[in-house]
Amino acid sequence: MWEGILSFITNYLPGILIGLLILMFLVVAHEFGHFILARRNGVKVNEFGIGFPPRAIAWQKGKDGKWHKLPKSKWPKPNETPKSLILSLNWLPIGGFCAMDGESDADTKKGTFGAASFKSKTKILFGGVMMNWIVAFIILTVLAFIGMPQFMENQFNLEGESHTVAIVSTIAKDTPAEKVGIEENDIIVKINDEEIHKAEDITAINNKYPGEKVKYEILRDGKTIILEPTLNKADAKYKIGISTMTGVEPETIRSTWSAPIVGAVTTIQFTGETFKGLGTLVGNLFYGAFSQFSFDGSVREEGRETIGDIGNQVTGPVGIIGQIFPSFVNSGFTYTALIAAVISISLACMNVLPIPALDGGRWFLILIYKLRKKKLTKETEEKIVSRAFLVLILLMLIITILDITKFF
């Protein structure tokens, strides 16, 4: 029992905690997009919160123009509108929120979301989506510069921007390389912080430090290792005792000046792949459901298998935090940053969909009533959004149960 607990703490807990923080950051970034666009378009924001209530601490700007901690006795009640913006930290670490004044489309009071123009509403509703795409672009740009794993077929990379590397092919006996533990197929990344791309680079740098200890940065099985051999003297047969071959760095895209271009195009590429995946998922779901009405038993069986495959393909918060993040975190910073970018793009794509409880759905609902030239009442909007929200909660509950089943 104690071994199992220790194994969980060692192998899973760090990934779970990092996963929670990353998901929280991505949701807060999404809400911050709404916040920025609301303020820029003249809509009052009552509260911007990190985490979900109950509140832990709150701040409000005073008459002196400075932010002050707000005493609990002065916290506004749930249905009370604060005089000015409140910034809050809340106890439940599951995201964040941007509470705008008059969020119903029927509100007409100046400064409310409802009173804003359709153009302004469009900007505000899709502000969160744009922020998630921007976050993904920044992460993928950084990864393109330091080394991005190839995770898509035909992943974009500008010609001439991929780098060659020096791969250890043989190691001489009784040499500094053998003594320090350099192995065949190790990739020599840097020597004394100077980048290595071919065998000549190794020779040139080693010749600078005869008889001295040098720092070798090595990539082995996807992990970075630092070794510090002491080189032989200048008149020795070998300085280090390795021979290398030049190759392309495996499954990694590394860019210099083109990193922002690679980051932007990769964001667009994965956005397309995400929408394609969502389309396939929905198509399979409808096929699986309607096939159950067929008189052909083989068709019904195929439909059940299709629905079963959907369960294996879809992952919810429990699967992401409990399984995906721990495995990626154990693989290092690069893969953790990559999964954060992928999830950020997925959040953006999901929120574009015309589902009433999501940003894209709310915009679509407002658009339909605008085109029909009918007023979208608060009661109608709440009824449609709340029902769609219940369906999403039910779907999330099913996915969570599937995640827990996979986890155990």
Protein backbone atom coordinates (compact mmCIF):
# COMPACT_ATOMS: atom_id res chain seq x y z
CA MET A 1 0.00 0.00 0.00
CA TRP A 2 2.71 2.48 1.00
CA GLU A 3 4.67 1.59 -2.15
CA GLY A 4 1.59 2.42 -4.23
CA ILE A 5 1.14 5.75 -2.46
CA LEU A 6 4.83 6.57 -2.90
CA SER A 7 4.64 5.61 -6.58
CA PHE A 8 1.61 7.88 -7.05
CA ILE A 9 3.34 10.80 -5.33
CA THR A 10 6.50 10.30 -7.37
CA ASN A 11 5.06 9.48 -10.80
CA TYR A 12 1.67 11.18 -10.91
CA LEU A 13 1.31 13.97 -8.35
CA PRO A 14 3.82 16.43 -9.91
CA GLY A 15 2.16 16.00 -13.32
CA ILE A 16 -1.32 16.41 -11.83
CA LEU A 17 -0.36 19.63 -10.03
CA ILE A 18 1.40 21.05 -13.09
CA GLY A 19 -1.58 20.01 -15.23
CA LEU A 20 -4.00 21.83 -12.92
CA LEU A 21 -1.87 24.98 -13.04
CA ILE A 22 -1.59 24.87 -16.85
CA LEU A 23 -5.31 24.28 -17.37
CA MET A 24 -6.08 27.08 -14.92
CA PHE A 25 -3.68 29.41 -16.76
CA LEU A 26 -5.27 28.60 -20.14
CA VAL A 27 -8.81 29.24 -18.85
CA VAL A 28 -7.73 32.47 -17.11
CA ALA A 29 -6.03 33.58 -20.36
CA HIS A 30 -9.30 32.86 -22.20
CA GLU A 31 -11.28 34.95 -19.71
CA PHE A 32 -8.67 37.69 -19.87
CA GLY A 33 -9.36 37.92 -23.61
CA HIS A 34 -13.03 38.62 -22.82
CA PHE A 35 -11.94 41.13 -20.15
CA ILE A 36 -9.65 43.13 -22.45
CA LEU A 37 -12.16 43.30 -25.30
CA ALA A 38 -15.04 44.17 -22.96
CA ARG A 39 -13.13 47.10 -21.45
CA ARG A 40 -11.98 48.30 -24.88
CA ASN A 41 -15.56 48.26 -26.16
CA GLY A 42 -17.09 50.19 -23.29
CA VAL A 43 -18.62 47.28 -21.38
CA LYS A 44 -18.27 47.40 -17.60
CA VAL A 45 -16.66 44.38 -15.96
CA ASN A 46 -17.89 43.82 -12.41
CA GLU A 47 -15.32 41.21 -11.42
CA PHE A 48 -12.37 39.39 -12.91
CA GLY A 49 -11.53 36.30 -10.90
CA ILE A 50 -8.80 33.69 -10.86
CA GLY A 51 -10.31 30.42 -9.65
CA PHE A 52 -13.99 30.00 -8.83
CA PRO A 53 -15.84 31.19 -5.70
CA PRO A 54 -15.92 31.23 -2.77
CA ARG A 55 -13.61 34.22 -2.72
CA ALA A 56 -10.33 34.03 -0.85
CA ILE A 57 -9.18 37.61 -1.32
CA ALA A 58 -10.34 40.63 -3.34
CA TRP A 59 -9.01 44.03 -4.42
CA GLN A 60 -10.74 47.18 -5.63
CA LYS A 61 -9.34 50.46 -6.92
CA GLY A 62 -9.81 53.36 -4.50
CA LYS A 63 -10.38 57.06 -5.12
CA ASP A 64 -6.61 57.56 -5.04
CA GLY A 65 -6.32 55.37 -8.17
CA LYS A 66 -4.49 52.58 -6.30
CA TRP A 67 -5.58 49.00 -5.71
CA HIS A 68 -6.54 48.17 -2.14
CA LYS A 69 -7.44 44.91 -0.44
CA LEU A 70 -11.20 44.82 0.01
CA PRO A 71 -12.36 43.83 3.53
CA LYS A 72 -14.70 40.84 3.60
CA SER A 73 -17.41 43.01 5.14
CA LYS A 74 -17.43 45.13 1.95
CA TRP A 75 -17.56 42.26 -0.52
CA PRO A 76 -20.64 42.68 -2.74
CA LYS A 77 -23.40 40.11 -2.28
CA PRO A 78 -24.08 37.59 -5.14
CA ASN A 79 -26.80 39.73 -6.79
CA GLU A 80 -25.23 43.08 -5.94
CA THR A 81 -23.44 45.10 -8.64
CA PRO A 82 -20.13 46.58 -7.41
CA LYS A 83 -19.43 50.24 -8.08
CA SER A 84 -16.12 49.44 -9.78
CA LEU A 85 -14.06 46.48 -10.95
CA ILE A 86 -13.12 43.82 -8.39
CA LEU A 87 -10.10 41.57 -8.89
CA SER A 88 -10.30 38.36 -6.91
CA LEU A 89 -8.50 35.16 -6.04
CA ASN A 90 -10.90 32.29 -5.34
CA TRP A 91 -10.63 28.97 -3.55
CA LEU A 92 -11.53 26.54 -6.36
CA PRO A 93 -8.52 26.23 -8.73
CA ILE A 94 -10.51 25.26 -11.81
CA GLY A 95 -10.16 28.28 -14.09
CA GLY A 96 -11.37 31.83 -13.85
CA PHE A 97 -14.20 34.16 -14.87
CA CYS A 98 -14.98 37.58 -16.30
CA ALA A 99 -18.31 38.85 -14.92
CA MET A 100 -19.58 41.60 -17.21
CA ASP A 101 -22.43 43.96 -16.34
CA GLY A 102 -25.72 42.99 -18.01
CA GLU A 103 -24.57 39.85 -19.81
CA SER A 104 -27.98 39.18 -21.35
CA ASP A 105 -28.50 40.39 -24.92
CA ALA A 106 -31.74 42.04 -23.74
CA ASP A 107 -30.01 44.47 -21.36
CA THR A 108 -30.18 48.07 -22.54
CA LYS A 109 -28.45 50.01 -19.76
CA LYS A 110 -25.36 51.89 -20.97
CA GLY A 111 -22.15 50.02 -20.23
CA THR A 112 -23.78 46.58 -20.25
CA PHE A 113 -22.96 43.76 -22.64
CA GLY A 114 -26.53 43.81 -23.97
CA ALA A 115 -26.33 47.49 -24.89
CA ALA A 116 -23.11 47.01 -26.92
CA SER A 117 -23.27 46.92 -30.72
CA PHE A 118 -23.29 43.56 -32.53
CA LYS A 119 -19.73 44.26 -33.72
CA SER A 120 -18.59 44.88 -30.13
CA LYS A 121 -20.35 41.75 -28.90
CA THR A 122 -18.58 39.74 -31.59
CA LYS A 123 -15.19 41.05 -30.48
CA ILE A 124 -15.95 40.38 -26.79
CA LEU A 125 -17.34 36.87 -27.29
CA PHE A 126 -14.42 35.79 -29.47
CA GLY A 127 -11.81 37.62 -27.37
CA GLY A 128 -11.24 34.48 -25.31
CA VAL A 129 -10.82 32.33 -28.42
CA MET A 130 -8.28 34.76 -29.86
CA MET A 131 -6.35 34.79 -26.57
CA ASN A 132 -6.09 30.97 -26.60
CA TRP A 133 -4.75 31.08 -30.16
CA ILE A 134 -2.25 33.80 -29.16
CA VAL A 135 -1.05 31.73 -26.18
CA ALA A 136 -0.60 28.70 -28.45
CA PHE A 137 1.29 30.81 -31.00
CA ILE A 138 3.68 32.13 -28.32
CA ILE A 139 4.36 28.64 -26.93
CA LEU A 140 4.89 27.12 -30.38
CA THR A 141 7.17 30.00 -31.39
CA VAL A 142 9.37 29.40 -28.32
CA LEU A 143 9.37 25.65 -29.05
CA ALA A 144 10.30 26.29 -32.69
CA PHE A 145 13.31 28.23 -31.46
CA ILE A 146 14.51 25.74 -28.82
CA GLY A 147 13.38 22.57 -30.60
CA MET A 148 9.81 21.48 -31.39
CA PRO A 149 8.88 17.78 -31.57
CA GLN A 150 7.17 16.74 -34.79
CA PHE A 151 3.65 15.77 -33.76
CA MET A 152 1.81 16.13 -37.08
CA GLU A 153 2.28 14.64 -40.50
CA ASN A 154 3.71 17.25 -42.92
CA GLN A 155 4.37 19.63 -40.02
CA PHE A 156 5.45 23.03 -41.33
CA ASN A 157 9.13 23.97 -41.40
CA LEU A 158 10.89 26.44 -43.67
CA GLU A 159 13.39 24.80 -46.01
CA GLY A 160 16.93 25.27 -44.81
CA GLU A 161 15.88 25.90 -41.25
CA SER A 162 16.27 22.34 -39.92
CA HIS A 163 19.64 21.73 -38.28
CA THR A 164 22.12 18.90 -38.57
CA VAL A 165 23.58 17.29 -35.47
CA ALA A 166 26.67 15.26 -34.58
CA ILE A 167 25.72 11.70 -33.59
CA VAL A 168 28.28 9.53 -31.80
CA SER A 169 29.04 6.45 -33.92
CA THR A 170 32.04 4.87 -32.15
CA ILE A 171 33.94 5.32 -28.88
CA ALA A 172 37.62 4.45 -28.48
CA LYS A 173 38.71 2.43 -25.44
CA ASP A 174 40.44 4.03 -22.45
CA THR A 175 39.55 7.55 -23.61
CA PRO A 176 37.88 10.47 -21.81
CA ALA A 177 34.65 9.69 -23.69
CA GLU A 178 34.51 6.11 -22.40
CA LYS A 179 35.48 7.09 -18.86
CA VAL A 180 32.79 9.76 -18.57
CA GLY A 181 30.05 7.53 -20.01
CA ILE A 182 29.40 8.84 -23.53
CA GLU A 183 27.47 6.20 -25.50
CA GLU A 184 26.85 5.34 -29.15
CA ASN A 185 23.95 7.28 -30.76
CA ASP A 186 24.33 10.11 -28.24
CA ILE A 187 23.71 13.48 -29.90
CA ILE A 188 26.33 16.10 -29.01
CA VAL A 189 24.26 19.26 -28.62
CA LYS A 190 26.77 21.70 -27.07
CA ILE A 191 30.33 21.82 -25.76
CA ASN A 192 30.96 24.60 -23.22
CA ASP A 193 27.67 26.17 -24.39
CA GLU A 194 28.81 26.31 -28.04
CA GLU A 195 26.36 24.61 -30.42
CA ILE A 196 27.47 21.53 -32.33
CA HIS A 197 26.14 20.63 -35.79
CA LYS A 198 28.92 18.48 -37.29
CA ALA A 199 32.10 16.57 -36.40
CA GLU A 200 34.33 19.53 -37.32
CA ASP A 201 32.66 21.62 -34.60
CA ILE A 202 33.68 19.06 -31.95
CA THR A 203 37.28 18.97 -33.13
CA ALA A 204 37.55 22.76 -33.28
CA ILE A 205 36.20 23.26 -29.74
CA ASN A 206 38.20 20.39 -28.19
CA ASN A 207 41.39 21.90 -29.67
CA LYS A 208 40.73 25.03 -27.62
CA TYR A 209 40.82 23.17 -24.29
CA PRO A 210 43.57 20.47 -24.32
CA GLY A 211 43.97 18.83 -20.90
CA GLU A 212 40.99 20.76 -19.46
CA LYS A 213 37.58 19.72 -18.17
CA VAL A 214 34.79 20.64 -20.62
CA LYS A 215 31.01 20.49 -20.41
CA TYR A 216 29.28 18.24 -22.94
CA GLU A 217 25.51 18.69 -23.33
CA ILE A 218 24.17 15.43 -24.76
CA LEU A 219 20.74 14.34 -25.96
CA ARG A 220 20.07 10.67 -25.17
CA ASP A 221 16.67 9.03 -25.70
CA GLY A 222 14.96 12.42 -25.65
CA LYS A 223 16.59 13.50 -22.37
CA THR A 224 19.36 16.07 -21.89
CA ILE A 225 22.44 14.85 -20.03
CA ILE A 226 25.42 16.92 -18.89
CA LEU A 227 28.82 15.15 -18.84
CA GLU A 228 32.17 16.76 -17.98
CA PRO A 229 35.11 14.83 -19.46
CA THR A 230 38.68 15.97 -18.95
CA LEU A 231 40.27 16.12 -22.39
CA ASN A 232 43.64 14.56 -23.20
CA LYS A 233 46.60 16.85 -23.73
CA ALA A 234 47.42 18.42 -27.09
CA ASP A 235 49.95 15.73 -28.14
CA ALA A 236 47.59 12.79 -27.39
CA LYS A 237 46.12 10.60 -30.16
CA TYR A 238 42.56 11.49 -29.07
CA LYS A 239 41.32 14.59 -27.30
CA ILE A 240 37.99 12.96 -26.42
CA GLY A 241 37.98 9.60 -28.25
CA ILE A 242 34.78 9.60 -30.30
CA SER A 243 33.91 9.55 -33.99
CA THR A 244 30.63 11.03 -35.13
CA MET A 245 28.35 11.09 -38.12
CA THR A 246 26.24 14.02 -39.22
CA GLY A 247 22.45 13.60 -39.31
CA VAL A 248 19.21 15.49 -38.98
CA GLU A 249 17.99 15.91 -35.40
CA PRO A 250 15.31 13.23 -35.01
CA GLU A 251 11.69 14.32 -34.93
CA THR A 252 12.60 17.86 -33.94
CA ILE A 253 12.09 21.19 -35.71
CA ARG A 254 14.48 23.90 -34.64
CA SER A 255 14.26 27.38 -36.17
CA THR A 256 16.08 30.69 -35.81
CA TRP A 257 14.72 33.78 -37.56
CA SER A 258 11.69 31.85 -38.83
CA ALA A 259 10.48 30.72 -35.36
CA PRO A 260 7.48 33.16 -35.34
CA ILE A 261 6.48 32.01 -38.84
CA VAL A 262 6.75 28.36 -37.82
CA GLY A 263 4.78 29.10 -34.62
CA ALA A 264 1.99 30.86 -36.55
CA VAL A 265 1.69 28.26 -39.33
CA THR A 266 1.84 25.34 -36.85
CA THR A 267 -0.99 26.98 -34.86
CA ILE A 268 -3.06 27.22 -38.06
CA GLN A 269 -2.15 23.64 -39.03
CA PHE A 270 -3.22 22.18 -35.70
CA THR A 271 -6.38 24.30 -35.68
CA GLY A 272 -7.30 22.70 -39.02
CA GLU A 273 -6.48 19.23 -37.68
CA THR A 274 -8.60 19.88 -34.57
CA PHE A 275 -11.64 20.94 -36.59
CA LYS A 276 -11.12 17.94 -38.87
CA GLY A 277 -11.00 15.67 -35.81
CA LEU A 278 -14.15 17.25 -34.36
CA GLY A 279 -15.93 16.74 -37.68
CA THR A 280 -14.92 13.07 -37.78
CA LEU A 281 -15.99 12.64 -34.16
CA VAL A 282 -19.45 14.13 -34.75
CA GLY A 283 -19.86 12.12 -37.98
CA ASN A 284 -18.97 8.88 -36.20
CA LEU A 285 -21.33 9.73 -33.34
CA PHE A 286 -24.28 10.25 -35.69
CA TYR A 287 -23.39 7.15 -37.70
CA GLY A 288 -23.13 5.05 -34.54
CA ALA A 289 -26.46 6.35 -33.20
CA PHE A 290 -28.48 6.01 -36.41
CA SER A 291 -27.00 2.60 -37.26
CA GLN A 292 -28.80 1.19 -34.21
CA PHE A 293 -32.08 1.60 -36.10
CA SER A 294 -30.88 -0.61 -38.95
CA PHE A 295 -32.46 -4.02 -39.60
CA ASP A 296 -29.00 -5.37 -40.46
CA GLY A 297 -27.33 -6.85 -37.35
CA SER A 298 -23.81 -6.36 -38.74
CA VAL A 299 -24.52 -2.64 -39.29
CA ARG A 300 -25.76 -2.28 -35.70
CA GLU A 301 -22.68 -4.08 -34.39
CA GLU A 302 -20.39 -1.84 -36.45
CA GLY A 303 -22.22 1.18 -35.06
CA ARG A 304 -21.69 -0.01 -31.49
CA GLU A 305 -17.97 -0.48 -32.19
CA THR A 306 -17.83 3.06 -33.64
CA ILE A 307 -19.44 4.50 -30.49
CA GLY A 308 -16.99 2.47 -28.37
CA ASP A 309 -14.07 3.91 -30.35
CA ILE A 310 -15.36 7.44 -29.65
CA GLY A 311 -15.12 6.71 -25.92
CA ASN A 312 -11.47 5.77 -26.36
CA GLN A 313 -10.69 8.85 -28.48
CA VAL A 314 -12.28 11.51 -26.24
CA THR A 315 -10.47 12.65 -23.10
CA GLY A 316 -11.89 14.98 -20.45
CA PRO A 317 -10.31 16.92 -17.54
CA VAL A 318 -9.65 13.80 -15.43
CA GLY A 319 -7.84 12.08 -18.30
CA ILE A 320 -5.87 15.21 -19.18
CA ILE A 321 -4.80 15.91 -15.60
CA GLY A 322 -4.49 12.33 -14.35
CA GLN A 323 -2.93 10.61 -17.36
CA ILE A 324 -1.81 12.92 -20.15
CA PHE A 325 -0.04 15.61 -18.10
CA PRO A 326 1.93 13.18 -15.85
CA SER A 327 3.27 11.34 -18.90
CA PHE A 328 4.18 14.57 -20.71
CA VAL A 329 5.68 16.19 -17.59
CA ASN A 330 7.90 13.13 -17.12
CA SER A 331 9.15 13.67 -20.68
CA GLY A 332 10.40 17.16 -19.86
CA PHE A 333 9.63 20.84 -20.45
CA THR A 334 9.36 20.61 -24.25
CA TYR A 335 6.55 18.07 -24.24
CA THR A 336 4.74 19.76 -21.33
CA ALA A 337 4.78 23.07 -23.24
CA LEU A 338 3.64 21.28 -26.39
CA ILE A 339 0.58 19.72 -24.73
CA ALA A 340 -0.26 23.13 -23.21
CA ALA A 341 -0.25 24.66 -26.72
CA VAL A 342 -2.35 21.82 -28.10
CA ILE A 343 -4.94 22.17 -25.31
CA SER A 344 -5.02 25.96 -25.79
CA ILE A 345 -5.85 25.46 -29.49
CA SER A 346 -8.46 22.84 -28.58
CA LEU A 347 -10.12 25.29 -26.15
CA ALA A 348 -10.22 27.91 -28.92
CA CYS A 349 -11.74 25.47 -31.42
CA MET A 350 -14.34 24.17 -28.95
CA ASN A 351 -15.47 27.70 -28.07
CA VAL A 352 -16.00 28.58 -31.73
CA LEU A 353 -18.63 25.83 -32.12
CA PRO A 354 -22.27 27.02 -32.33
CA ILE A 355 -23.29 25.42 -29.02
CA PRO A 356 -25.37 27.95 -27.00
CA ALA A 357 -23.47 27.43 -23.73
CA LEU A 358 -20.16 28.29 -25.45
CA ASP A 359 -18.90 31.60 -26.86
CA GLY A 360 -19.57 30.66 -30.48
CA GLY A 361 -23.05 29.43 -29.59
CA ARG A 362 -23.98 32.64 -27.77
CA TRP A 363 -22.80 34.68 -30.76
CA PHE A 364 -24.73 32.42 -33.15
CA LEU A 365 -27.88 32.78 -31.03
CA ILE A 366 -27.58 36.59 -31.01
CA LEU A 367 -26.96 36.55 -34.79
CA ILE A 368 -30.06 34.44 -35.51
CA TYR A 369 -32.35 36.80 -33.57
CA LYS A 370 -30.68 39.81 -35.19
CA LEU A 371 -31.27 38.39 -38.69
CA ARG A 372 -34.87 37.56 -37.76
CA LYS A 373 -35.20 41.12 -36.41
CA LYS A 374 -36.66 39.75 -33.21
CA LYS A 375 -35.76 40.61 -29.65
CA LEU A 376 -33.86 37.92 -27.76
CA THR A 377 -35.45 38.16 -24.32
CA LYS A 378 -33.54 37.38 -21.16
CA GLU A 379 -35.88 34.49 -20.36
CA THR A 380 -35.45 32.89 -23.81
CA GLU A 381 -31.69 33.28 -23.75
CA GLU A 382 -31.40 31.82 -20.25
CA LYS A 383 -33.64 28.89 -21.16
CA ILE A 384 -31.65 28.00 -24.30
CA VAL A 385 -28.23 28.51 -22.69
CA SER A 386 -29.11 26.66 -19.47
CA ARG A 387 -30.45 23.63 -21.35
CA ALA A 388 -27.37 23.51 -23.58
CA PHE A 389 -25.20 23.85 -20.48
CA LEU A 390 -26.96 20.88 -18.84
CA VAL A 391 -26.28 18.78 -21.95
CA LEU A 392 -22.59 19.79 -21.81
CA ILE A 393 -22.41 18.91 -18.10
CA LEU A 394 -24.00 15.51 -18.81
CA LEU A 395 -21.53 14.91 -21.65
CA MET A 396 -18.64 15.96 -19.42
CA LEU A 397 -19.87 13.62 -16.69
CA ILE A 398 -19.94 10.68 -19.14
CA ILE A 399 -16.44 11.53 -20.39
CA THR A 400 -15.20 11.84 -16.80
CA ILE A 401 -16.57 8.39 -15.95
CA LEU A 402 -14.81 6.99 -19.03
CA ASP A 403 -11.59 8.76 -17.96
CA ILE A 404 -11.78 7.26 -14.46
CA THR A 405 -12.39 3.82 -15.96
CA LYS A 406 -9.30 4.20 -18.20
CA PHE A 407 -7.25 5.56 -15.30
CA PHE A 408 -7.88 2.57 -13.07
